[in-house]
Protein backbone atom coordinates (compact mmCIF):
# COMPACT_ATOMS: atom_id res chain seq x y z
CA UNK A 1 436.35 46.75 60.67
CA UNK A 2 439.11 44.59 60.47
CA UNK A 3 442.77 45.54 59.56
CA UNK A 4 444.59 43.09 58.33
CA UNK A 5 443.42 40.24 55.82
CA UNK A 6 443.21 37.14 58.35
CA UNK A 7 440.82 39.02 60.44
CA UNK A 8 438.86 39.88 57.05
CA UNK A 9 438.34 36.16 56.39
CA UNK A 10 438.25 35.26 59.95
CA UNK A 11 434.92 37.72 59.94
CA UNK A 12 433.91 36.46 56.38
CA UNK A 13 433.77 32.54 57.86
CA UNK A 14 431.93 33.34 61.64
CA UNK A 15 429.41 34.94 59.55
CA UNK A 16 428.94 32.14 57.30
CA UNK A 17 428.80 29.97 60.38
CA UNK A 18 425.94 32.04 61.87
CA UNK A 19 423.61 31.34 59.38
CA UNK A 20 424.40 27.91 59.34
CA UNK A 21 424.20 27.91 63.12
CA UNK A 22 420.97 29.64 63.12
CA UNK A 23 418.81 27.76 60.30
CA UNK A 24 419.99 24.06 62.12
CA UNK A 25 418.61 25.57 65.21
CA UNK A 26 415.33 26.61 63.95
CA UNK A 27 415.12 23.25 62.28
CA UNK A 28 415.91 21.39 65.23
CA UNK A 29 413.14 24.17 67.44
CA UNK A 30 410.46 23.53 64.91
CA UNK A 31 410.69 19.62 65.17
CA UNK A 32 410.15 19.98 68.80
CA UNK A 33 407.42 22.04 68.44
CA UNK A 34 405.65 19.72 66.31
CA UNK A 35 406.85 17.05 69.18
CA UNK A 36 405.76 18.91 72.02
CA UNK A 37 402.36 19.91 70.03
CA UNK A 38 401.23 16.55 69.10
CA UNK A 39 397.44 15.56 70.11
CA UNK A 40 398.22 11.74 69.48
CA UNK A 41 401.16 9.31 69.99
CA UNK A 42 401.75 8.55 66.31
CA UNK A 43 401.82 11.83 64.90
CA UNK A 44 404.80 12.62 67.92
CA UNK A 45 406.23 9.23 67.01
CA UNK A 46 405.99 10.17 63.25
CA UNK A 47 408.22 13.31 63.89
CA UNK A 48 410.78 11.86 66.50
CA UNK A 49 413.50 10.10 64.36
CA UNK A 50 413.79 13.53 62.18
CA UNK A 51 414.30 15.17 65.65
CA UNK A 52 416.94 12.55 66.63
CA UNK A 53 418.73 12.51 63.10
CA UNK A 54 418.80 16.54 63.97
CA UNK A 55 419.83 16.56 66.83
CA UNK A 56 422.70 13.59 65.91
CA UNK A 57 423.73 15.49 62.82
CA UNK A 58 424.23 18.74 64.73
CA UNK A 59 425.64 17.44 67.62
CA UNK A 60 428.04 15.48 65.42
CA UNK A 61 429.15 18.40 63.40
CA UNK A 62 429.36 21.19 66.80
CA UNK A 63 426.28 23.38 64.68
CA UNK A 64 424.19 25.53 66.86
CA UNK A 65 426.06 25.02 70.26
CA UNK A 66 425.30 21.52 70.25
CA UNK A 67 427.33 18.82 71.95
CA UNK A 68 426.86 15.39 72.50
CA UNK A 69 425.49 15.54 76.20
CA UNK A 70 423.19 18.85 74.92
CA UNK A 71 421.55 16.46 72.00
CA UNK A 72 421.11 13.66 74.64
CA UNK A 73 419.01 15.83 77.15
CA UNK A 74 417.19 16.87 74.09
CA UNK A 75 416.31 13.66 73.00
CA UNK A 76 415.67 11.88 76.56
CA UNK A 77 413.20 15.00 77.14
CA UNK A 78 411.49 14.40 73.75
CA UNK A 79 411.12 10.79 74.53
CA UNK A 80 409.37 11.55 77.52
CA UNK A 81 407.11 13.76 76.07
CA UNK A 82 405.67 11.19 73.77
CA UNK A 83 405.88 8.52 76.02
CA UNK A 84 403.26 10.52 78.23
CA UNK A 85 400.98 10.83 75.14
CA UNK A 86 398.15 8.40 75.43
CA UNK A 87 398.05 5.77 72.22
């Protein structure tokens, strides 16, 4: 347990950030599964804007260990999956 008031506050802040990061990461992973598991190109294209939005927001706020380059890599890979699906 922390001995100082500032350490207690930091503990509270880090716990709150951990929960937010976990929720954001879970949302991104769920959306990725929908894109990767889509049976048709139309299904994947419906989920793609949602995935891109989540990635961009996470990168902008530096949540879920997501930087701009990481988000860009995820977007590129998702786009490749969609392009390989048959219409």
